[in-house]
Amino acid sequence: MDLFFLLSKVFWVLANPGNFLALLLLISLLFGWRKITGLVVFSLLLITFYPMGNLLLQPLEKRFPQPQQMPADVAGIIVLGGAEEAELSSVWQQPQFNMAAERDMAILPLLQRYKDVPVVLTGGSGSVTKPEFRGADVLQSWLQSQQLDNRVIYERNSRNTFENAIYSHDSLPAGSDIADAEGWLLVTSAFHMPRSMGIFQNQGWNVIPYPVDYYSKPVTVENWRADLGRNLFELGIGMREWLGLSAYYLTEKTAVLFPSPESVPASEITPASEITRND
């Protein structure tokens, strides 16, 4: 098993904010560390009443804006998995999706707009213990039920975004050019777009960002809510993505720490001002 993949999973079990605070609270109670206990309780109260994840998610989700207009033509479409609940789909024998379902919902209008280009749905299993449940299989079942799978390529072996870029390339028909000047539309969650763009560009793809699935609101006092579960969830998303950006940069899977439109060579992205609507 790939060491990077395994270490990333183990590390996140400990670094996940909910797990980390619970473990820290347990240790502080066992050793009588009252100050640490108080700090954990204060942190939980703060997270309960204010969505701290906004502070981390806002810069991520604003990094790559949505195209001002849709490209007239594209070389193809790449949709990153992660919205599928593969094990639940197997248990209940129908496609199940999570809060990132916008990734997969975006497929339908894009299939209608771009009728003659390849569409790659890339997503295997990110689980160490249950690798048999794969996201692309859920997507295939869902699209087949609507008879929309005739030109879709299902890449089901990738376990993370780095492998998405590599295995998507390998799954393309002979003669496909990942550096095609028209560009490949890259669909993923807005918070995940900076890392995804950096990874795909580093592998030679000419990709156009198409962010979906937004979570954050402006960072203001008014945007509070008393919801510990939701606030912890979004804080975890933000922390995981910033840690992922750092890890991928340090392991040279991306060329810059925080990819942006300005960090993309002019030949590798279609400026919004040059994009025309295809109506």
Protein backbone atom coordinates (compact mmCIF):
# COMPACT_ATOMS: atom_id res chain seq x y z
CA MET A 1 0.00 0.00 0.00
CA ASP A 2 1.22 3.50 -0.87
CA LEU A 3 2.91 5.02 2.21
CA PHE A 4 1.70 8.57 1.49
CA PHE A 5 -1.90 7.38 1.27
CA LEU A 6 -1.67 5.33 4.48
CA LEU A 7 0.09 8.05 6.50
CA SER A 8 -2.41 10.67 5.37
CA LYS A 9 -5.29 8.54 6.65
CA VAL A 10 -3.66 7.81 10.00
CA PHE A 11 -2.65 11.43 10.49
CA TRP A 12 -6.17 12.71 9.80
CA VAL A 13 -7.70 10.35 12.36
CA LEU A 14 -5.66 12.23 14.98
CA ALA A 15 -5.82 15.71 13.45
CA ASN A 16 -9.56 15.79 12.81
CA PRO A 17 -10.77 18.59 15.13
CA GLY A 18 -13.48 16.51 16.79
CA ASN A 19 -11.17 13.57 17.40
CA PHE A 20 -8.33 15.82 18.55
CA LEU A 21 -10.43 17.72 21.06
CA ALA A 22 -12.00 14.52 22.42
CA LEU A 23 -8.59 12.89 22.83
CA LEU A 24 -7.14 16.03 24.44
CA LEU A 25 -10.08 16.23 26.84
CA LEU A 26 -9.68 12.59 27.83
CA ILE A 27 -5.93 12.98 28.48
CA SER A 28 -6.43 16.19 30.47
CA LEU A 29 -9.07 14.53 32.66
CA LEU A 30 -6.90 11.47 33.25
CA PHE A 31 -3.90 13.56 34.31
CA GLY A 32 -5.82 16.30 36.05
CA TRP A 33 -4.70 19.06 33.70
CA ARG A 34 -7.38 21.58 34.60
CA LYS A 35 -6.11 24.35 32.34
CA ILE A 36 -6.12 22.05 29.32
CA THR A 37 -9.60 20.83 30.25
CA GLY A 38 -10.80 24.42 30.47
CA LEU A 39 -9.20 25.23 27.11
CA VAL A 40 -10.94 22.28 25.44
CA VAL A 41 -14.32 23.26 26.93
CA PHE A 42 -13.84 26.86 25.79
CA SER A 43 -12.90 25.68 22.28
CA LEU A 44 -16.00 23.51 22.07
CA LEU A 45 -18.22 26.39 23.20
CA LEU A 46 -16.63 28.73 20.67
CA ILE A 47 -17.07 26.24 17.85
CA THR A 48 -20.65 25.56 18.97
CA PHE A 49 -21.75 29.17 18.61
CA TYR A 50 -19.61 30.38 15.72
CA PRO A 51 -18.79 28.53 12.48
CA MET A 52 -15.00 28.76 12.72
CA GLY A 53 -14.73 26.82 9.48
CA ASN A 54 -15.67 30.01 7.62
CA LEU A 55 -12.27 31.47 8.46
CA LEU A 56 -10.55 28.58 6.69
CA LEU A 57 -13.05 27.94 3.89
CA GLN A 58 -13.56 31.51 2.64
CA PRO A 59 -10.08 31.97 1.11
CA LEU A 60 -10.24 28.47 -0.40
CA GLU A 61 -13.65 28.95 -1.98
CA LYS A 62 -12.81 32.41 -3.34
CA ARG A 63 -9.48 31.36 -4.87
CA PHE A 64 -10.87 30.19 -8.22
CA PRO A 65 -14.05 32.10 -9.15
CA GLN A 66 -16.70 30.55 -11.35
CA PRO A 67 -16.22 31.32 -15.06
CA GLN A 68 -17.92 34.57 -16.05
CA GLN A 69 -19.24 32.70 -19.06
CA MET A 70 -19.10 29.05 -20.02
CA PRO A 71 -16.47 28.09 -22.61
CA ALA A 72 -17.79 27.71 -26.15
CA ASP A 73 -15.81 24.48 -26.53
CA VAL A 74 -13.81 22.24 -24.23
CA ALA A 75 -11.57 19.25 -24.81
CA GLY A 76 -13.45 17.27 -22.17
CA ILE A 77 -14.88 17.26 -18.67
CA ILE A 78 -13.37 15.81 -15.50
CA VAL A 79 -15.57 15.34 -12.44
CA LEU A 80 -13.79 14.48 -9.20
CA GLY A 81 -15.54 11.92 -7.01
CA GLY A 82 -16.10 12.28 -3.31
CA ALA A 83 -19.83 12.97 -3.24
CA GLU A 84 -20.81 9.32 -3.37
CA GLU A 85 -21.62 7.13 -0.38
CA ALA A 86 -20.45 3.88 -1.95
CA GLU A 87 -20.96 1.59 1.04
CA LEU A 88 -24.42 2.98 1.79
CA SER A 89 -25.30 2.60 -1.87
CA SER A 90 -24.35 -1.06 -1.67
CA VAL A 91 -26.28 -1.61 1.56
CA TRP A 92 -29.50 0.02 0.33
CA GLN A 93 -29.13 -0.91 -3.35
CA GLN A 94 -29.64 2.61 -4.66
CA PRO A 95 -27.23 5.51 -5.27
CA GLN A 96 -26.56 7.55 -2.13
CA PHE A 97 -24.80 10.93 -2.04
CA ASN A 98 -23.41 13.19 0.67
CA MET A 99 -23.28 16.97 1.14
CA ALA A 100 -20.96 17.35 -1.87
CA ALA A 101 -23.63 16.06 -4.26
CA GLU A 102 -23.33 19.23 -6.37
CA ARG A 103 -20.21 17.69 -7.91
CA ASP A 104 -22.30 14.93 -9.45
CA MET A 105 -25.38 17.06 -10.12
CA ALA A 106 -23.25 19.32 -12.32
CA ILE A 107 -22.81 16.44 -14.75
CA LEU A 108 -26.33 16.70 -16.17
CA PRO A 109 -26.23 20.26 -17.57
CA LEU A 110 -22.64 19.78 -18.73
CA LEU A 111 -23.58 16.65 -20.67
CA GLN A 112 -26.28 18.64 -22.42
CA ARG A 113 -24.08 21.64 -23.18
CA TYR A 114 -21.02 19.73 -24.41
CA LYS A 115 -22.48 16.87 -26.43
CA ASP A 116 -19.40 15.50 -28.18
CA VAL A 117 -16.58 15.53 -25.64
CA PRO A 118 -15.37 12.80 -23.27
CA VAL A 119 -16.52 12.98 -19.66
CA VAL A 120 -14.32 11.38 -17.00
CA LEU A 121 -15.80 10.53 -13.61
CA THR A 122 -12.81 9.81 -11.43
CA GLY A 123 -13.14 8.30 -7.98
CA GLY A 124 -12.24 4.97 -6.44
CA SER A 125 -12.14 4.29 -2.72
CA GLY A 126 -10.45 6.47 -0.14
CA SER A 127 -10.92 3.82 2.54
CA VAL A 128 -8.07 1.77 3.95
CA THR A 129 -10.35 -0.95 5.33
CA LYS A 130 -13.09 -1.12 2.68
CA PRO A 131 -11.50 -0.49 -0.72
CA GLU A 132 -14.18 -2.51 -2.53
CA PHE A 133 -16.71 0.34 -2.30
CA ARG A 134 -15.89 2.80 -5.08
CA GLY A 135 -17.45 6.13 -5.91
CA ALA A 136 -17.36 5.74 -9.69
CA ASP A 137 -19.56 2.65 -9.39
CA VAL A 138 -22.26 4.74 -7.70
CA LEU A 139 -22.08 7.35 -10.46
CA GLN A 140 -22.26 4.68 -13.12
CA SER A 141 -25.38 3.18 -11.57
CA TRP A 142 -27.01 6.60 -11.25
CA LEU A 143 -26.29 7.67 -14.84
CA GLN A 144 -27.24 4.30 -16.29
CA SER A 145 -30.65 4.56 -14.65
CA GLN A 146 -31.15 7.79 -16.63
CA GLN A 147 -29.55 6.46 -19.83
CA LEU A 148 -26.88 9.15 -19.74
CA ASP A 149 -23.76 7.02 -19.59
CA ASN A 150 -23.06 6.49 -23.28
CA ARG A 151 -19.92 8.67 -23.45
CA VAL A 152 -18.83 8.65 -19.83
CA ILE A 153 -15.52 7.15 -18.74
CA TYR A 154 -15.51 5.70 -15.23
CA GLU A 155 -12.13 5.81 -13.53
CA ARG A 156 -12.53 3.71 -10.37
CA ASN A 157 -8.98 3.08 -9.12
CA SER A 158 -7.86 6.47 -7.75
CA ARG A 159 -7.79 6.95 -3.97
CA ASN A 160 -6.93 10.65 -3.75
CA THR A 161 -6.71 13.76 -5.91
CA PHE A 162 -3.16 13.05 -7.05
CA GLU A 163 -4.26 9.68 -8.39
CA ASN A 164 -7.35 11.31 -9.93
CA ALA A 165 -5.05 13.27 -12.23
CA ILE A 166 -2.85 10.29 -13.14
CA TYR A 167 -5.53 7.64 -13.64
CA SER A 168 -7.84 10.02 -15.50
CA HIS A 169 -5.06 10.47 -18.04
CA ASP A 170 -4.59 6.72 -18.32
CA SER A 171 -8.31 6.15 -18.87
CA LEU A 172 -8.65 8.50 -21.86
CA PRO A 173 -9.08 7.19 -25.42
CA ALA A 174 -5.97 6.98 -27.56
CA GLY A 175 -5.04 10.31 -29.08
CA SER A 176 -6.55 12.46 -26.34
CA ASP A 177 -4.46 15.49 -25.46
CA ILE A 178 -4.54 16.58 -21.81
CA ALA A 179 -2.79 19.82 -22.82
CA ASP A 180 -5.41 20.62 -25.48
CA ALA A 181 -5.67 24.39 -25.97
CA GLU A 182 -9.45 24.31 -25.46
CA GLY A 183 -8.91 23.02 -21.94
CA TRP A 184 -10.58 20.39 -19.79
CA LEU A 185 -13.36 21.54 -17.50
CA LEU A 186 -12.46 20.48 -13.95
CA VAL A 187 -15.45 20.01 -11.63
CA THR A 188 -14.98 19.73 -7.89
CA SER A 189 -15.96 21.40 -4.62
CA ALA A 190 -14.93 25.06 -4.41
CA PHE A 191 -12.82 24.50 -1.28
CA HIS A 192 -10.99 21.68 -3.06
CA MET A 193 -10.36 23.57 -6.29
CA PRO A 194 -6.96 25.18 -5.42
CA ARG A 195 -5.35 21.84 -4.60
CA SER A 196 -7.03 20.12 -7.56
CA MET A 197 -5.88 22.78 -10.03
CA GLY A 198 -2.34 22.63 -8.69
CA ILE A 199 -2.20 18.85 -8.96
CA PHE A 200 -3.67 18.59 -12.45
CA GLN A 201 -1.50 21.44 -13.79
CA ASN A 202 1.57 19.77 -12.32
CA GLN A 203 0.69 16.62 -14.30
CA GLY A 204 0.46 18.59 -17.56
CA TRP A 205 -3.31 19.06 -17.77
CA ASN A 206 -4.76 22.25 -19.24
CA VAL A 207 -7.72 22.63 -16.90
CA ILE A 208 -10.47 25.24 -16.53
CA PRO A 209 -11.87 25.52 -12.99
CA TYR A 210 -15.60 24.85 -12.54
CA PRO A 211 -16.15 25.10 -8.77
CA VAL A 212 -19.37 23.87 -7.14
CA ASP A 213 -20.50 22.84 -3.64
CA TYR A 214 -19.92 25.94 -1.49
CA TYR A 215 -20.01 25.90 2.32
CA SER A 216 -18.78 29.23 3.69
CA LYS A 217 -20.45 32.57 4.30
CA PRO A 218 -18.78 35.96 4.86
CA VAL A 219 -16.85 36.01 8.13
CA THR A 220 -19.07 38.26 10.25
CA VAL A 221 -20.45 38.19 13.78
CA GLU A 222 -23.96 37.88 12.35
CA ASN A 223 -23.20 34.54 10.73
CA TRP A 224 -23.32 32.56 13.96
CA ARG A 225 -25.32 29.41 14.58
CA ALA A 226 -25.58 27.10 17.59
CA ASP A 227 -24.71 23.84 15.85
CA LEU A 228 -21.64 22.03 17.17
CA GLY A 229 -21.93 19.12 14.77
CA ARG A 230 -22.19 21.22 11.60
CA ASN A 231 -19.55 23.71 12.75
CA LEU A 232 -17.09 20.92 13.61
CA PHE A 233 -17.77 19.28 10.26
CA GLU A 234 -16.97 22.45 8.29
CA LEU A 235 -13.96 23.22 10.46
CA GLY A 236 -12.69 19.75 9.67
CA ILE A 237 -13.15 20.32 5.94
CA GLY A 238 -11.14 23.53 6.08
CA MET A 239 -8.36 22.09 8.24
CA ARG A 240 -8.05 19.00 6.09
CA GLU A 241 -7.78 21.03 2.91
CA TRP A 242 -5.09 23.38 4.25
CA LEU A 243 -3.13 20.42 5.57
CA GLY A 244 -3.56 18.74 2.19
CA LEU A 245 -2.24 21.80 0.38
CA SER A 246 0.83 21.79 2.60
CA ALA A 247 1.46 18.05 2.28
CA TYR A 248 1.06 18.05 -1.49
CA TYR A 249 3.40 21.01 -1.87
CA LEU A 250 6.07 19.48 0.39
CA THR A 251 5.91 16.19 -1.54
CA GLU A 252 6.13 18.10 -4.86
CA LYS A 253 2.68 17.05 -6.06
CA THR A 254 1.94 20.74 -6.62
CA ALA A 255 4.33 23.45 -7.77
CA VAL A 256 3.06 26.19 -5.42
CA LEU A 257 1.70 26.09 -1.89
CA PHE A 258 -1.59 27.84 -2.64
CA PRO A 259 -2.41 27.64 -6.37
CA SER A 260 -4.27 30.58 -7.86
CA PRO A 261 -5.33 31.80 -11.32
CA GLU A 262 -2.19 33.98 -11.33
CA SER A 263 0.03 30.93 -10.74
CA VAL A 264 -1.27 29.24 -13.89
CA PRO A 265 0.74 29.85 -17.07
CA ALA A 266 -1.28 31.83 -19.61
CA SER A 267 -1.19 28.92 -22.04
CA GLU A 268 -2.81 26.61 -19.51
CA ILE A 269 -6.04 28.42 -18.67
CA THR A 270 -8.71 30.17 -20.66
CA PRO A 271 -9.17 33.75 -19.40
CA ALA A 272 -12.77 34.57 -18.55
CA SER A 273 -12.59 37.57 -20.89
CA GLU A 274 -11.93 35.27 -23.83
CA ILE A 275 -14.70 32.79 -23.04
CA THR A 276 -17.86 33.03 -25.10
CA ARG A 277 -21.24 31.54 -24.23
CA ASN A 278 -22.36 28.52 -26.21
CA ASP A 279 -26.16 28.96 -26.39
